[in-house]
Amino acid sequence: MSCVSRLMRRIAAAGLLVALAPLLGVLAAAVALTQGRPVIFRQWRAGQHGEAFALCKFRTMRLPRYAGEPDEARLTRLGRWLRRSSLDELPGLWSIVRGEMNFIGPRPLPLDYLPRYSAEQRRRHLVPPGMTGWAQVHGRNALDWPTRLQLDVWYVDHHNWRLDLRILWRTVWVVLGGAGIGSPGRPTGEEFRGQEGPGELS
């Protein structure tokens, strides 16, 4: 990626943050009023070459009432709407401003997934992560993990500006349709545990 294109992405993300500031303020107030503080959820994610960065989202779950409380039970009504509309992802624009993400690329996954990937799956980290990607326009969390990661690697091998525009266009329709937010039968995504079986690492 050229320095010019990287700079243009960062400027575009900064412009979007300024333009969306009123909406971000309303959403932050709604989260604070309905779920309390903190308003922002931060989690360490793996970026390009596996480098760690803190991804920010609007919080969609209330704080747990007891240890081990399922995510499904903690997801609030507002949180469901934020996830369905993908508005919870808007604070992630700041990661583009900082140069940690792109608009288009494999979604950044939790840092502790890194040792669970196969060598082929680990190739998804050869490019910067994105706010949306090839897997997201083919089913998002409704896809099983092998398929999702395979689509990420396909993007690494084929990405160009035409494909990015295609993904961006399809993302609009995916978000409007609200499909694939959670895993089948679950309102939240399923944890990736590797390829050898539940709880085992590949």
Protein backbone atom coordinates (compact mmCIF):
# COMPACT_ATOMS: atom_id res chain seq x y z
CA MET A 1 0.00 0.00 0.00
CA SER A 2 1.43 3.38 -0.99
CA CYS A 3 1.99 6.16 1.52
CA VAL A 4 -0.40 8.36 -0.46
CA SER A 5 -3.30 5.88 -0.33
CA ARG A 6 -2.66 5.27 3.37
CA LEU A 7 -2.72 9.01 4.04
CA MET A 8 -5.93 9.42 2.02
CA ARG A 9 -7.63 6.70 4.05
CA ARG A 10 -6.62 8.35 7.30
CA ILE A 11 -7.87 11.74 6.12
CA ALA A 12 -11.17 10.20 4.95
CA ALA A 13 -11.67 8.48 8.31
CA ALA A 14 -10.93 11.71 10.18
CA GLY A 15 -13.44 13.53 7.99
CA LEU A 16 -16.08 10.90 8.71
CA LEU A 17 -15.48 11.20 12.45
CA VAL A 18 -16.04 14.96 12.23
CA ALA A 19 -19.14 14.60 10.03
CA LEU A 20 -20.61 11.89 12.24
CA ALA A 21 -19.79 13.63 15.53
CA PRO A 22 -23.46 14.53 16.27
CA LEU A 23 -24.58 10.93 15.66
CA LEU A 24 -21.69 9.58 17.74
CA GLY A 25 -22.69 11.90 20.57
CA VAL A 26 -26.32 10.73 20.47
CA LEU A 27 -25.30 7.07 20.44
CA ALA A 28 -22.84 7.59 23.30
CA ALA A 29 -25.55 9.28 25.36
CA ALA A 30 -28.01 6.47 24.62
CA VAL A 31 -25.50 3.83 25.72
CA ALA A 32 -24.69 5.76 28.89
CA LEU A 33 -28.37 6.20 29.79
CA THR A 34 -29.43 2.60 29.12
CA GLN A 35 -26.32 0.63 30.05
CA GLY A 36 -24.24 2.98 32.18
CA ARG A 37 -20.52 3.41 31.83
CA PRO A 38 -18.18 2.68 30.20
CA VAL A 39 -19.72 3.72 26.90
CA ILE A 40 -16.86 2.36 24.80
CA PHE A 41 -15.84 -1.30 24.69
CA ARG A 42 -12.12 -1.82 24.05
CA GLN A 43 -10.54 -5.13 23.12
CA TRP A 44 -7.07 -6.06 21.95
CA ARG A 45 -7.18 -7.24 18.35
CA ALA A 46 -4.57 -8.58 15.94
CA GLY A 47 -3.69 -6.24 13.10
CA GLN A 48 -1.36 -6.56 10.14
CA HIS A 49 1.41 -9.09 10.82
CA GLY A 50 -0.34 -9.92 14.10
CA GLU A 51 0.52 -6.61 15.75
CA ALA A 52 -1.76 -5.80 18.67
CA PHE A 53 -4.01 -2.74 18.78
CA ALA A 54 -7.01 -1.70 20.86
CA LEU A 55 -10.23 -1.74 18.83
CA CYS A 56 -13.02 0.52 20.10
CA LYS A 57 -16.76 -0.07 19.72
CA PHE A 58 -19.88 1.18 21.42
CA ARG A 59 -20.69 -1.18 24.26
CA THR A 60 -23.65 -3.44 23.45
CA MET A 61 -23.77 -5.59 26.59
CA ARG A 62 -24.49 -4.75 30.19
CA LEU A 63 -21.88 -5.62 32.79
CA PRO A 64 -22.10 -9.28 33.97
CA ARG A 65 -24.15 -10.04 37.07
CA TYR A 66 -22.06 -13.11 37.85
CA ALA A 67 -18.91 -14.80 36.57
CA GLY A 68 -19.48 -16.72 33.36
CA GLU A 69 -22.84 -15.12 32.50
CA PRO A 70 -23.50 -15.86 28.79
CA ASP A 71 -23.06 -13.03 26.30
CA GLU A 72 -26.57 -13.67 24.95
CA ALA A 73 -28.07 -12.82 28.35
CA ARG A 74 -26.05 -9.60 28.61
CA LEU A 75 -26.92 -8.22 25.17
CA THR A 76 -29.30 -5.27 25.63
CA ARG A 77 -32.15 -4.16 23.40
CA LEU A 78 -30.15 -1.11 22.35
CA GLY A 79 -27.13 -3.34 21.86
CA ARG A 80 -29.06 -5.60 19.50
CA TRP A 81 -30.09 -2.60 17.42
CA LEU A 82 -26.56 -1.20 17.37
CA ARG A 83 -25.20 -4.53 16.17
CA ARG A 84 -27.93 -5.03 13.59
CA SER A 85 -27.27 -1.57 12.14
CA SER A 86 -23.47 -1.92 12.61
CA LEU A 87 -23.47 1.49 14.31
CA ASP A 88 -21.54 -0.04 17.21
CA GLU A 89 -18.55 -0.21 14.83
CA LEU A 90 -18.32 3.55 14.17
CA PRO A 91 -15.69 4.25 16.88
CA GLY A 92 -13.45 1.91 14.89
CA LEU A 93 -12.88 4.80 12.47
CA TRP A 94 -10.35 6.03 14.99
CA SER A 95 -8.25 2.93 14.29
CA ILE A 96 -8.12 3.95 10.62
CA VAL A 97 -7.01 7.46 11.61
CA ARG A 98 -4.20 5.88 13.66
CA GLY A 99 -3.16 3.73 10.71
CA GLU A 100 -4.04 0.43 12.40
CA MET A 101 -6.91 -0.47 10.06
CA ASN A 102 -8.31 0.14 6.59
CA PHE A 103 -11.91 0.59 5.50
CA ILE A 104 -11.72 -2.75 3.65
CA GLY A 105 -9.88 -5.87 4.82
CA PRO A 106 -10.27 -8.98 6.97
CA ARG A 107 -12.05 -8.11 10.21
CA PRO A 108 -9.64 -7.78 13.16
CA LEU A 109 -10.16 -10.70 15.52
CA PRO A 110 -9.19 -11.06 19.20
CA LEU A 111 -5.48 -11.29 19.86
CA ASP A 112 -5.78 -14.64 21.63
CA TYR A 113 -6.97 -16.27 18.38
CA LEU A 114 -3.49 -15.97 16.84
CA PRO A 115 -2.07 -19.31 18.08
CA ARG A 116 -5.24 -21.11 16.98
CA TYR A 117 -4.86 -20.44 13.26
CA SER A 118 -3.40 -22.86 10.76
CA ALA A 119 -0.46 -21.56 8.70
CA GLU A 120 -2.84 -20.85 5.81
CA GLN A 121 -5.37 -19.02 7.98
CA ARG A 122 -2.60 -16.90 9.48
CA ARG A 123 -2.07 -15.36 6.03
CA ARG A 124 -5.13 -13.19 6.68
CA HIS A 125 -2.75 -10.96 8.64
CA LEU A 126 -0.59 -10.13 5.62
CA VAL A 127 -2.82 -7.10 4.94
CA PRO A 128 -4.26 -4.50 7.34
CA PRO A 129 -7.62 -5.41 8.89
CA GLY A 130 -10.74 -3.55 7.83
CA MET A 131 -14.11 -2.36 9.09
CA THR A 132 -15.73 -4.59 6.47
CA GLY A 133 -14.40 -7.31 4.23
CA TRP A 134 -15.02 -10.13 1.76
CA ALA A 135 -16.30 -12.47 4.48
CA GLN A 136 -18.64 -9.80 5.86
CA VAL A 137 -20.48 -9.47 2.54
CA HIS A 138 -20.84 -13.25 2.29
CA GLY A 139 -22.62 -13.89 5.57
CA ARG A 140 -20.63 -12.35 8.43
CA ASN A 141 -21.02 -14.32 11.67
CA ALA A 142 -23.55 -16.69 10.07
CA LEU A 143 -20.60 -18.36 8.31
CA ASP A 144 -18.66 -21.14 10.00
CA TRP A 145 -15.11 -20.25 10.95
CA PRO A 146 -13.28 -22.26 8.25
CA THR A 147 -15.35 -20.57 5.54
CA ARG A 148 -14.92 -17.12 7.01
CA LEU A 149 -11.15 -17.45 7.31
CA GLN A 150 -10.91 -18.95 3.82
CA LEU A 151 -12.69 -15.88 2.44
CA ASP A 152 -10.25 -13.64 4.32
CA VAL A 153 -7.29 -15.42 2.73
CA TRP A 154 -8.96 -15.19 -0.70
CA TYR A 155 -9.17 -11.43 -0.23
CA VAL A 156 -5.45 -11.28 0.62
CA ASP A 157 -4.65 -12.99 -2.69
CA HIS A 158 -7.03 -10.95 -4.86
CA HIS A 159 -7.50 -7.52 -3.29
CA ASN A 160 -7.42 -4.43 -5.49
CA TRP A 161 -9.33 -1.17 -5.66
CA ARG A 162 -12.09 -2.63 -7.84
CA LEU A 163 -12.72 -5.43 -5.35
CA ASP A 164 -12.69 -2.93 -2.49
CA LEU A 165 -15.36 -0.83 -4.22
CA ARG A 166 -17.43 -3.97 -4.79
CA ILE A 167 -17.15 -4.90 -1.11
CA LEU A 168 -18.06 -1.36 -0.05
CA TRP A 169 -21.17 -1.39 -2.25
CA ARG A 170 -22.28 -4.81 -1.03
CA THR A 171 -21.66 -3.78 2.58
CA VAL A 172 -24.36 -1.12 2.28
CA TRP A 173 -26.95 -3.76 1.37
CA VAL A 174 -25.72 -6.22 4.00
CA VAL A 175 -26.01 -3.56 6.72
CA LEU A 176 -29.47 -2.47 5.52
CA GLY A 177 -30.60 -6.10 5.58
CA GLY A 178 -29.08 -6.74 9.00
CA ALA A 179 -28.21 -10.33 8.09
CA GLY A 180 -25.46 -12.46 9.62
CA ILE A 181 -25.03 -10.51 12.87
CA GLY A 182 -24.79 -13.63 15.03
CA SER A 183 -24.07 -17.29 14.60
CA PRO A 184 -27.01 -19.55 13.67
CA GLY A 185 -29.29 -19.80 16.70
CA ARG A 186 -27.28 -17.20 18.63
CA PRO A 187 -27.51 -13.38 18.71
CA THR A 188 -23.74 -13.11 19.18
CA GLY A 189 -20.81 -14.58 17.31
CA GLU A 190 -19.28 -17.92 18.23
CA GLU A 191 -15.73 -18.05 19.57
CA PHE A 192 -13.04 -19.44 17.28
CA ARG A 193 -11.41 -22.44 18.96
CA GLY A 194 -9.19 -23.76 16.19
CA GLN A 195 -9.70 -26.54 13.69
CA GLU A 196 -9.24 -29.74 15.70
CA GLY A 197 -12.46 -29.62 17.68
CA PRO A 198 -14.18 -27.71 20.49
CA GLY A 199 -11.67 -26.22 22.86
CA GLU A 200 -8.65 -27.63 20.98
CA LEU A 201 -6.03 -25.58 19.21
CA SER A 202 -4.68 -26.25 15.75
